[in-house]
Structure formats: C-alpha cells, structure tokens
Amino acid sequence: MKQILHQIANVALVGVLTFGGGASFSLSKTLGPCLSPVEAQNATRAGRFLPFNQIKRMNGVGDGATVLNRQVCMIDGQPYYKFTVLSPSGPMTNYELRATDGSPYIAG
C-alpha cells in the first residue's frame, strides 16, 4: 500500500512538472511614465481624472492624512495615483488608485 501511494505521488509530480500545474498568474505590472504635476492638474481640470481629494475620500483616507510621494503614473496603460499615507501611529500605507474612478490596482 505504501509503495502504491508513493507511485501515485510520483506520477502526480511528473504531471505537475510536465503540464505546469494548470493556470499561471502574473503578479507583475507594467509601470509606465509618470505625469508631471502640471500634466496631472490639467487632466483633472479637463475632467479626465477625478480630483485627488475625492479619490482619497472614496478609499477612506481622511483630508488630514499626511500624504507622501504623490504622483500619477501609468500602470498597465491606465493612469493611477500612487502615494503613501503616514498614519499618526507610525505605519505607512501605499496606495495605487486609478485616477479615473478611484478603484485600487489589482495585480494579475
């Protein structure tokens, strides 16, 4: 019985190694160019992007939060606000929120 289970495990391992185990997922993203602050502001004024404060509020970031390193960059061909929030207790949270609707970047 033990030998049969060992053989089944070997066959399964060969199958996984041969066929790749099914679906493969890519967690990488393509980070494109970042806009200058003036370009981002012009896109917001033209209505192509939601205002940054609205995007923050939609995602639970208060108006009094300390925001670091804010920029708009292209990720997989879409514009995203990339920024870090420093909480009063110390930890930092990184955000990547689509500039057109506020939805977070989801890899894959």
N, C-alpha and C. Protein backbone atom coordinates (compact mmCIF):
# COMPACT_ATOMS: atom_id res chain seq x y z
N MET A 1 0.83 -1.20 0.00
CA MET A 1 0.00 0.00 0.00
C MET A 1 0.86 1.25 0.00
N LYS A 2 1.90 1.24 0.81
CA LYS A 2 2.79 2.40 0.90
C LYS A 2 3.48 2.65 -0.44
N GLN A 3 3.87 1.58 -1.12
CA GLN A 3 4.54 1.71 -2.41
C GLN A 3 3.58 2.28 -3.46
N ILE A 4 2.32 1.88 -3.42
CA ILE A 4 1.33 2.39 -4.38
C ILE A 4 1.13 3.89 -4.18
N LEU A 5 1.02 4.32 -2.92
CA LEU A 5 0.85 5.75 -2.65
C LEU A 5 2.08 6.54 -3.12
N HIS A 6 3.26 5.97 -2.94
CA HIS A 6 4.49 6.61 -3.39
C HIS A 6 4.49 6.75 -4.91
N GLN A 7 4.04 5.72 -5.64
CA GLN A 7 3.98 5.77 -7.10
C GLN A 7 2.97 6.80 -7.57
N ILE A 8 1.83 6.88 -6.90
CA ILE A 8 0.80 7.88 -7.26
C ILE A 8 1.37 9.29 -7.07
N ALA A 9 2.07 9.51 -5.96
CA ALA A 9 2.67 10.82 -5.72
C ALA A 9 3.69 11.16 -6.80
N ASN A 10 4.48 10.19 -7.23
CA ASN A 10 5.47 10.43 -8.29
C ASN A 10 4.81 10.77 -9.61
N VAL A 11 3.73 10.05 -9.95
CA VAL A 11 3.00 10.33 -11.19
C VAL A 11 2.40 11.73 -11.14
N ALA A 12 1.84 12.10 -10.01
CA ALA A 12 1.27 13.44 -9.86
C ALA A 12 2.34 14.51 -10.00
N LEU A 13 3.49 14.29 -9.41
CA LEU A 13 4.58 15.25 -9.50
C LEU A 13 5.05 15.41 -10.94
N VAL A 14 5.18 14.30 -11.66
CA VAL A 14 5.58 14.36 -13.07
C VAL A 14 4.55 15.14 -13.87
N GLY A 15 3.26 14.92 -13.60
CA GLY A 15 2.21 15.64 -14.30
C GLY A 15 2.28 17.14 -14.06
N VAL A 16 2.50 17.53 -12.82
CA VAL A 16 2.60 18.95 -12.49
C VAL A 16 3.80 19.58 -13.18
N LEU A 17 4.94 18.87 -13.14
CA LEU A 17 6.14 19.41 -13.77
C LEU A 17 6.02 19.45 -15.29
N THR A 18 5.32 18.50 -15.86
CA THR A 18 5.17 18.43 -17.31
C THR A 18 4.18 19.46 -17.83
N PHE A 19 3.05 19.56 -17.18
CA PHE A 19 1.98 20.41 -17.68
C PHE A 19 1.87 21.75 -16.97
N GLY A 20 2.73 22.04 -16.05
CA GLY A 20 2.75 23.34 -15.41
C GLY A 20 1.72 23.52 -14.32
N GLY A 21 0.98 22.52 -13.99
CA GLY A 21 0.05 22.64 -12.88
C GLY A 21 -1.17 23.49 -13.17
N GLY A 22 -1.51 23.72 -14.41
CA GLY A 22 -2.72 24.49 -14.71
C GLY A 22 -2.40 25.92 -15.03
N ALA A 23 -3.25 26.81 -14.51
CA ALA A 23 -3.14 28.24 -14.83
C ALA A 23 -1.92 28.85 -14.16
N SER A 24 -1.36 29.79 -14.85
CA SER A 24 -0.26 30.55 -14.24
C SER A 24 -0.71 32.00 -14.12
N PHE A 25 -0.30 32.65 -13.07
CA PHE A 25 -0.72 34.02 -12.82
C PHE A 25 0.49 34.93 -12.83
N SER A 26 0.32 36.09 -13.41
CA SER A 26 1.39 37.07 -13.43
C SER A 26 1.04 38.17 -12.43
N LEU A 27 1.91 38.36 -11.45
CA LEU A 27 1.67 39.41 -10.47
C LEU A 27 2.47 40.66 -10.79
N SER A 28 3.10 40.68 -11.93
CA SER A 28 3.89 41.85 -12.30
C SER A 28 2.98 42.88 -12.95
N LYS A 29 3.41 44.09 -12.91
CA LYS A 29 2.68 45.17 -13.56
C LYS A 29 3.65 45.95 -14.42
N THR A 30 3.12 46.59 -15.43
CA THR A 30 3.95 47.40 -16.29
C THR A 30 3.80 48.85 -15.87
N LEU A 31 4.85 49.37 -15.23
CA LEU A 31 4.83 50.76 -14.77
C LEU A 31 5.35 51.63 -15.91
N GLY A 32 4.48 52.51 -16.39
CA GLY A 32 4.84 53.40 -17.48
C GLY A 32 5.31 54.73 -16.95
N PRO A 33 5.30 55.73 -17.81
CA PRO A 33 5.78 57.04 -17.40
C PRO A 33 4.84 57.70 -16.39
N CYS A 34 5.41 58.59 -15.60
CA CYS A 34 4.63 59.38 -14.64
C CYS A 34 4.40 60.77 -15.21
N LEU A 35 3.26 61.34 -14.91
CA LEU A 35 2.93 62.67 -15.37
C LEU A 35 3.57 63.71 -14.46
N SER A 36 3.85 64.86 -15.01
CA SER A 36 4.31 65.96 -14.18
C SER A 36 3.11 66.46 -13.37
N PRO A 37 3.35 67.18 -12.28
CA PRO A 37 2.22 67.73 -11.52
C PRO A 37 1.31 68.61 -12.38
N VAL A 38 1.89 69.37 -13.29
CA VAL A 38 1.08 70.24 -14.16
C VAL A 38 0.22 69.40 -15.10
N GLU A 39 0.78 68.33 -15.67
CA GLU A 39 0.01 67.47 -16.56
C GLU A 39 -1.15 66.81 -15.81
N ALA A 40 -0.89 66.36 -14.59
CA ALA A 40 -1.95 65.73 -13.78
C ALA A 40 -3.04 66.74 -13.44
N GLN A 41 -2.64 67.96 -13.09
CA GLN A 41 -3.61 69.00 -12.76
C GLN A 41 -4.45 69.36 -13.99
N ASN A 42 -3.81 69.45 -15.15
CA ASN A 42 -4.55 69.75 -16.38
C ASN A 42 -5.55 68.64 -16.72
N ALA A 43 -5.16 67.39 -16.51
CA ALA A 43 -6.06 66.27 -16.78
C ALA A 43 -7.25 66.30 -15.83
N THR A 44 -7.02 66.70 -14.59
CA THR A 44 -8.11 66.81 -13.61
C THR A 44 -9.05 67.95 -14.01
N ARG A 45 -8.48 69.09 -14.37
CA ARG A 45 -9.31 70.24 -14.79
C ARG A 45 -10.13 69.92 -16.03
N ALA A 46 -9.57 69.09 -16.91
CA ALA A 46 -10.28 68.73 -18.15
C ALA A 46 -11.32 67.63 -17.92
N GLY A 47 -11.36 67.09 -16.68
CA GLY A 47 -12.34 66.07 -16.36
C GLY A 47 -11.90 64.65 -16.70
N ARG A 48 -10.66 64.47 -17.10
CA ARG A 48 -10.17 63.13 -17.42
C ARG A 48 -9.83 62.33 -16.16
N PHE A 49 -9.43 63.02 -15.08
CA PHE A 49 -9.13 62.38 -13.79
C PHE A 49 -10.07 62.95 -12.74
N LEU A 50 -10.38 62.13 -11.73
CA LEU A 50 -11.10 62.65 -10.56
C LEU A 50 -10.11 63.43 -9.70
N PRO A 51 -10.59 64.42 -8.97
CA PRO A 51 -9.69 65.16 -8.07
C PRO A 51 -9.09 64.23 -7.02
N PHE A 52 -7.84 64.51 -6.66
CA PHE A 52 -7.12 63.67 -5.71
C PHE A 52 -7.85 63.56 -4.38
N ASN A 53 -8.37 64.66 -3.85
CA ASN A 53 -9.08 64.61 -2.56
C ASN A 53 -10.31 63.70 -2.63
N GLN A 54 -11.00 63.68 -3.76
CA GLN A 54 -12.15 62.80 -3.93
C GLN A 54 -11.70 61.34 -3.96
N ILE A 55 -10.61 61.06 -4.66
CA ILE A 55 -10.07 59.70 -4.72
C ILE A 55 -9.69 59.23 -3.31
N LYS A 56 -9.02 60.10 -2.54
CA LYS A 56 -8.64 59.74 -1.16
C LYS A 56 -9.87 59.40 -0.33
N ARG A 57 -10.88 60.28 -0.34
CA ARG A 57 -12.08 60.07 0.46
C ARG A 57 -12.80 58.79 0.08
N MET A 58 -12.85 58.49 -1.23
CA MET A 58 -13.51 57.27 -1.70
C MET A 58 -12.85 56.02 -1.13
N ASN A 59 -11.59 56.13 -0.77
CA ASN A 59 -10.83 54.98 -0.27
C ASN A 59 -10.51 55.08 1.22
N GLY A 60 -11.24 55.95 1.92
CA GLY A 60 -11.13 56.02 3.36
C GLY A 60 -9.94 56.78 3.91
N VAL A 61 -9.30 57.57 3.07
CA VAL A 61 -8.16 58.38 3.53
C VAL A 61 -8.70 59.77 3.86
N GLY A 62 -8.56 60.18 5.10
CA GLY A 62 -9.08 61.47 5.55
C GLY A 62 -8.34 62.65 4.97
N ASP A 63 -9.01 63.80 4.98
CA ASP A 63 -8.40 65.02 4.45
C ASP A 63 -7.18 65.45 5.25
N GLY A 64 -7.12 65.09 6.53
CA GLY A 64 -6.00 65.49 7.37
C GLY A 64 -4.82 64.52 7.33
N ALA A 65 -4.91 63.48 6.51
CA ALA A 65 -3.84 62.48 6.45
C ALA A 65 -2.56 63.08 5.87
N THR A 66 -1.43 62.60 6.33
CA THR A 66 -0.14 63.03 5.80
C THR A 66 0.17 62.18 4.57
N VAL A 67 0.16 62.84 3.40
CA VAL A 67 0.40 62.15 2.13
C VAL A 67 1.82 62.43 1.68
N LEU A 68 2.52 61.35 1.32
CA LEU A 68 3.90 61.46 0.84
C LEU A 68 3.99 60.93 -0.59
N ASN A 69 4.89 61.48 -1.36
CA ASN A 69 5.25 60.95 -2.68
C ASN A 69 4.07 60.79 -3.63
N ARG A 70 3.21 61.77 -3.71
CA ARG A 70 2.05 61.67 -4.61
C ARG A 70 2.47 61.91 -6.05
N GLN A 71 2.03 61.03 -6.93
CA GLN A 71 2.25 61.23 -8.36
C GLN A 71 1.22 60.42 -9.14
N VAL A 72 1.06 60.76 -10.40
CA VAL A 72 0.19 60.00 -11.29
C VAL A 72 1.09 59.29 -12.29
N CYS A 73 0.99 57.96 -12.31
CA CYS A 73 1.80 57.15 -13.22
C CYS A 73 0.89 56.20 -13.98
N MET A 74 1.35 55.82 -15.14
CA MET A 74 0.63 54.85 -15.94
C MET A 74 1.01 53.44 -15.47
N ILE A 75 0.01 52.63 -15.17
CA ILE A 75 0.22 51.23 -14.79
C ILE A 75 -0.66 50.40 -15.72
N ASP A 76 -0.03 49.53 -16.47
CA ASP A 76 -0.74 48.71 -17.45
C ASP A 76 -1.64 49.55 -18.36
N GLY A 77 -1.14 50.73 -18.73
CA GLY A 77 -1.86 51.60 -19.66
C GLY A 77 -2.94 52.47 -19.04
N GLN A 78 -3.13 52.43 -17.73
CA GLN A 78 -4.15 53.22 -17.04
C GLN A 78 -3.48 54.21 -16.10
N PRO A 79 -4.05 55.41 -15.94
CA PRO A 79 -3.45 56.38 -15.00
C PRO A 79 -3.84 56.06 -13.56
N TYR A 80 -2.84 56.02 -12.68
CA TYR A 80 -3.07 55.72 -11.26
C TYR A 80 -2.40 56.77 -10.38
N TYR A 81 -3.12 57.20 -9.34
CA TYR A 81 -2.50 57.99 -8.29
C TYR A 81 -1.69 57.02 -7.44
N LYS A 82 -0.40 57.27 -7.32
CA LYS A 82 0.47 56.47 -6.45
C LYS A 82 0.90 57.39 -5.32
N PHE A 83 0.63 56.95 -4.08
CA PHE A 83 1.01 57.79 -2.94
C PHE A 83 1.11 56.94 -1.69
N THR A 84 1.73 57.51 -0.69
CA THR A 84 1.91 56.85 0.60
C THR A 84 1.26 57.72 1.67
N VAL A 85 0.55 57.08 2.60
CA VAL A 85 -0.07 57.80 3.72
C VAL A 85 0.63 57.38 5.00
N LEU A 86 1.05 58.37 5.76
CA LEU A 86 1.69 58.14 7.05
C LEU A 86 0.62 58.29 8.12
N SER A 87 0.38 57.22 8.87
CA SER A 87 -0.64 57.29 9.91
C SER A 87 -0.05 57.92 11.17
N PRO A 88 -0.90 58.49 12.04
CA PRO A 88 -0.40 59.11 13.27
C PRO A 88 0.37 58.14 14.17
N SER A 89 0.04 56.85 14.08
CA SER A 89 0.72 55.87 14.94
C SER A 89 2.04 55.38 14.33
N GLY A 90 2.36 55.81 13.11
CA GLY A 90 3.66 55.48 12.54
C GLY A 90 3.68 54.68 11.26
N PRO A 91 2.84 53.62 11.10
CA PRO A 91 2.95 52.81 9.89
C PRO A 91 2.55 53.59 8.63
N MET A 92 3.15 53.19 7.52
CA MET A 92 2.82 53.81 6.25
C MET A 92 2.01 52.82 5.42
N THR A 93 1.10 53.37 4.60
CA THR A 93 0.30 52.57 3.69
C THR A 93 0.49 53.11 2.29
N ASN A 94 0.81 52.23 1.35
CA ASN A 94 0.97 52.62 -0.05
C ASN A 94 -0.35 52.41 -0.79
N TYR A 95 -0.68 53.35 -1.65
CA TYR A 95 -1.90 53.28 -2.45
C TYR A 95 -1.56 53.40 -3.92
N GLU A 96 -2.31 52.67 -4.74
CA GLU A 96 -2.30 52.82 -6.18
C GLU A 96 -3.76 52.80 -6.61
N LEU A 97 -4.31 53.98 -6.87
CA LEU A 97 -5.73 54.13 -7.14
C LEU A 97 -5.93 54.73 -8.52
N ARG A 98 -6.78 54.10 -9.32
CA ARG A 98 -7.00 54.58 -10.69
C ARG A 98 -7.55 56.00 -10.67
N ALA A 99 -6.93 56.86 -11.44
CA ALA A 99 -7.26 58.28 -11.44
C ALA A 99 -8.63 58.56 -12.05
N THR A 100 -9.16 57.64 -12.83
CA THR A 100 -10.44 57.89 -13.49
C THR A 100 -11.65 57.49 -12.66
N ASP A 101 -11.47 56.55 -11.72
CA ASP A 101 -12.64 56.10 -10.94
C ASP A 101 -12.31 55.75 -9.48
N GLY A 102 -11.04 55.83 -9.08
CA GLY A 102 -10.66 55.58 -7.69
C GLY A 102 -10.49 54.13 -7.30
N SER A 103 -10.66 53.21 -8.24
CA SER A 103 -10.52 51.80 -7.88
C SER A 103 -9.06 51.45 -7.68
N PRO A 104 -8.78 50.55 -6.71
CA PRO A 104 -7.38 50.17 -6.44
C PRO A 104 -6.83 49.28 -7.54
N TYR A 105 -5.51 49.34 -7.70
CA TYR A 105 -4.84 48.44 -8.65
C TYR A 105 -4.89 47.03 -8.09
N ILE A 106 -5.30 46.09 -8.93
CA ILE A 106 -5.33 44.68 -8.57
C ILE A 106 -4.46 43.94 -9.57
N ALA A 107 -3.40 43.33 -9.07
CA ALA A 107 -2.45 42.64 -9.94
C ALA A 107 -3.08 41.40 -10.55
N GLY A 108 -2.59 41.05 -11.74
CA GLY A 108 -2.96 39.78 -12.33
C GLY A 108 -3.90 39.92 -13.44
